[in-house]
Amino acid sequence: MADTPVYIVVNLAVTDAPEYRIYEKGFFGLLKKHGGSFITFDDNPITLEGETPRENRMIIFSFPSESIANAWYADPEYQALSEHRRAGTKLDFLTMVHGLPPRD
């Protein structure tokens, strides 16, 4: 059985741009190290229905499987880097969404 991809969806507000930039500079290397792919970000998302998340940055990236995503998140190097995200943003959510399983 093949692994099911997962998508990470993030909503945050940058409150300290220099601190967040430190995070951004290290993020992409760690994403690549764990086989992740950056999909997109949007600083002006549009809510069509329901409650609007904070009107700030939405980010989407993916990993080949949940276990790989969990390894990325638990990586001590990522956790150390994420302190800059925590110091430089107000995070509404960092959520893992499972992709569809492969069809036979």
C-alpha atoms as a PDB file:
ATOM      1  CA  MET A   1       0.000   0.000   0.000  1.00  0.00           C
ATOM      2  CA  ALA A   2       1.423   3.362  -1.022  1.00  0.00           C
ATOM      3  CA  ASP A   3       1.723   6.215   1.417  1.00  0.00           C
ATOM      4  CA  THR A   4      -0.939   8.898   1.262  1.00  0.00           C
ATOM      5  CA  PRO A   5       0.374  12.448   0.850  1.00  0.00           C
ATOM      6  CA  VAL A   6      -0.412  15.055   3.470  1.00  0.00           C
ATOM      7  CA  TYR A   7      -0.788  18.805   3.168  1.00  0.00           C
ATOM      8  CA  ILE A   8       0.132  21.322   5.825  1.00  0.00           C
ATOM      9  CA  VAL A   9      -2.109  24.389   5.951  1.00  0.00           C
ATOM     10  CA  VAL A  10      -0.979  27.356   8.037  1.00  0.00           C
ATOM     11  CA  ASN A  11      -2.592  30.662   8.970  1.00  0.00           C
ATOM     12  CA  LEU A  12      -0.474  33.210  10.744  1.00  0.00           C
ATOM     13  CA  ALA A  13       0.100  36.920  11.194  1.00  0.00           C
ATOM     14  CA  VAL A  14       3.641  38.214  11.036  1.00  0.00           C
ATOM     15  CA  THR A  15       4.205  40.362  14.121  1.00  0.00           C
ATOM     16  CA  ASP A  16       8.013  40.684  13.955  1.00  0.00           C
ATOM     17  CA  ALA A  17       9.243  40.616  10.346  1.00  0.00           C
ATOM     18  CA  PRO A  18      13.009  40.300  11.072  1.00  0.00           C
ATOM     19  CA  GLU A  19      12.380  37.350  13.405  1.00  0.00           C
ATOM     20  CA  TYR A  20      10.088  35.669  10.876  1.00  0.00           C
ATOM     21  CA  ARG A  21      12.634  36.177   8.075  1.00  0.00           C
ATOM     22  CA  ILE A  22      15.147  34.104  10.061  1.00  0.00           C
ATOM     23  CA  TYR A  23      12.546  31.326  10.059  1.00  0.00           C
ATOM     24  CA  GLU A  24      11.818  31.711   6.346  1.00  0.00           C
ATOM     25  CA  LYS A  25      15.508  31.524   5.422  1.00  0.00           C
ATOM     26  CA  GLY A  26      15.917  28.174   7.169  1.00  0.00           C
ATOM     27  CA  PHE A  27      12.492  26.725   6.374  1.00  0.00           C
ATOM     28  CA  PHE A  28      12.966  25.738   2.736  1.00  0.00           C
ATOM     29  CA  GLY A  29      16.154  23.739   3.346  1.00  0.00           C
ATOM     30  CA  LEU A  30      14.462  21.745   6.108  1.00  0.00           C
ATOM     31  CA  LEU A  31      11.366  21.226   3.973  1.00  0.00           C
ATOM     32  CA  LYS A  32      13.545  19.819   1.178  1.00  0.00           C
ATOM     33  CA  LYS A  33      15.568  17.704   3.639  1.00  0.00           C
ATOM     34  CA  HIS A  34      12.343  15.897   4.566  1.00  0.00           C
ATOM     35  CA  GLY A  35      11.023  15.510   1.022  1.00  0.00           C
ATOM     36  CA  GLY A  36       8.446  18.259   1.373  1.00  0.00           C
ATOM     37  CA  SER A  37       7.160  20.509  -1.394  1.00  0.00           C
ATOM     38  CA  PHE A  38       6.123  24.132  -1.093  1.00  0.00           C
ATOM     39  CA  ILE A  39       2.805  24.705  -2.858  1.00  0.00           C
ATOM     40  CA  THR A  40       1.829  28.337  -2.276  1.00  0.00           C
ATOM     41  CA  PHE A  41       1.201  31.199   0.108  1.00  0.00           C
ATOM     42  CA  ASP A  42      -1.287  34.048  -0.016  1.00  0.00           C
ATOM     43  CA  ASP A  43      -1.274  37.249   2.003  1.00  0.00           C
ATOM     44  CA  ASN A  44      -4.839  38.063   0.869  1.00  0.00           C
ATOM     45  CA  PRO A  45      -6.930  34.866   1.062  1.00  0.00           C
ATOM     46  CA  ILE A  46     -10.627  35.102   0.289  1.00  0.00           C
ATOM     47  CA  THR A  47     -13.178  33.305   2.462  1.00  0.00           C
ATOM     48  CA  LEU A  48     -16.216  32.308   0.425  1.00  0.00           C
ATOM     49  CA  GLU A  49     -18.241  30.926   3.341  1.00  0.00           C
ATOM     50  CA  GLY A  50     -17.873  30.584   7.088  1.00  0.00           C
ATOM     51  CA  GLU A  51     -15.765  32.518   9.522  1.00  0.00           C
ATOM     52  CA  THR A  52     -12.812  34.331   8.015  1.00  0.00           C
ATOM     53  CA  PRO A  53      -9.442  33.299   9.388  1.00  0.00           C
ATOM     54  CA  ARG A  54      -7.225  36.182  10.343  1.00  0.00           C
ATOM     55  CA  GLU A  55      -6.666  38.251   7.227  1.00  0.00           C
ATOM     56  CA  ASN A  56      -3.010  37.408   6.915  1.00  0.00           C
ATOM     57  CA  ARG A  57      -0.753  34.771   5.460  1.00  0.00           C
ATOM     58  CA  MET A  58      -2.078  31.363   4.440  1.00  0.00           C
ATOM     59  CA  ILE A  59       0.608  28.805   3.530  1.00  0.00           C
ATOM     60  CA  ILE A  60       0.266  25.344   1.976  1.00  0.00           C
ATOM     61  CA  PHE A  61       3.012  22.739   1.608  1.00  0.00           C
ATOM     62  CA  SER A  62       3.052  18.961   1.374  1.00  0.00           C
ATOM     63  CA  PHE A  63       4.880  15.773   2.303  1.00  0.00           C
ATOM     64  CA  PRO A  64       4.720  12.310   0.719  1.00  0.00           C
ATOM     65  CA  SER A  65       3.265  10.784   3.914  1.00  0.00           C
ATOM     66  CA  GLU A  66       2.130  11.506   7.449  1.00  0.00           C
ATOM     67  CA  SER A  67       5.197   9.779   8.900  1.00  0.00           C
ATOM     68  CA  ILE A  68       7.512  12.022   6.878  1.00  0.00           C
ATOM     69  CA  ALA A  69       5.553  15.130   7.939  1.00  0.00           C
ATOM     70  CA  ASN A  70       5.790  14.034  11.566  1.00  0.00           C
ATOM     71  CA  ALA A  71       9.550  13.480  11.197  1.00  0.00           C
ATOM     72  CA  TRP A  72       9.910  17.017   9.774  1.00  0.00           C
ATOM     73  CA  TYR A  73       7.923  18.530  12.631  1.00  0.00           C
ATOM     74  CA  ALA A  74       9.813  16.545  15.287  1.00  0.00           C
ATOM     75  CA  ASP A  75      13.237  17.260  13.781  1.00  0.00           C
ATOM     76  CA  PRO A  76      15.252  19.072  16.496  1.00  0.00           C
ATOM     77  CA  GLU A  77      16.688  21.386  13.843  1.00  0.00           C
ATOM     78  CA  TYR A  78      13.165  22.356  12.744  1.00  0.00           C
ATOM     79  CA  GLN A  79      11.989  22.805  16.319  1.00  0.00           C
ATOM     80  CA  ALA A  80      14.940  25.122  17.017  1.00  0.00           C
ATOM     81  CA  LEU A  81      14.189  27.107  13.847  1.00  0.00           C
ATOM     82  CA  SER A  82      10.464  27.250  14.646  1.00  0.00           C
ATOM     83  CA  GLU A  83      11.243  29.299  17.755  1.00  0.00           C
ATOM     84  CA  HIS A  84      11.801  32.194  15.326  1.00  0.00           C
ATOM     85  CA  ARG A  85       8.345  31.589  13.820  1.00  0.00           C
ATOM     86  CA  ARG A  86       6.828  31.483  17.283  1.00  0.00           C
ATOM     87  CA  ALA A  87       8.618  34.728  18.233  1.00  0.00           C
ATOM     88  CA  GLY A  88       7.780  36.479  14.957  1.00  0.00           C
ATOM     89  CA  THR A  89       4.147  35.505  14.377  1.00  0.00           C
ATOM     90  CA  LYS A  90       0.774  34.912  15.925  1.00  0.00           C
ATOM     91  CA  LEU A  91      -0.230  31.473  14.699  1.00  0.00           C
ATOM     92  CA  ASP A  92      -3.915  30.629  14.255  1.00  0.00           C
ATOM     93  CA  PHE A  93      -3.275  27.099  13.043  1.00  0.00           C
ATOM     94  CA  LEU A  94      -0.763  24.679  11.582  1.00  0.00           C
ATOM     95  CA  THR A  95      -2.922  21.785  10.397  1.00  0.00           C
ATOM     96  CA  MET A  96      -2.185  18.477   8.659  1.00  0.00           C
ATOM     97  CA  VAL A  97      -4.725  17.424   6.004  1.00  0.00           C
ATOM     98  CA  HIS A  98      -4.584  13.917   4.521  1.00  0.00           C
ATOM     99  CA  GLY A  99      -4.693  13.523   0.753  1.00  0.00           C
ATOM    100  CA  LEU A 100      -6.852  10.966  -0.945  1.00  0.00           C
ATOM    101  CA  PRO A 101      -5.566   7.387  -0.780  1.00  0.00           C
ATOM    102  CA  PRO A 102      -4.351   5.874  -4.054  1.00  0.00           C
ATOM    103  CA  ARG A 103      -7.106   4.350  -6.197  1.00  0.00           C
ATOM    104  CA  ASP A 104      -6.779   0.778  -7.368  1.00  0.00           C
END
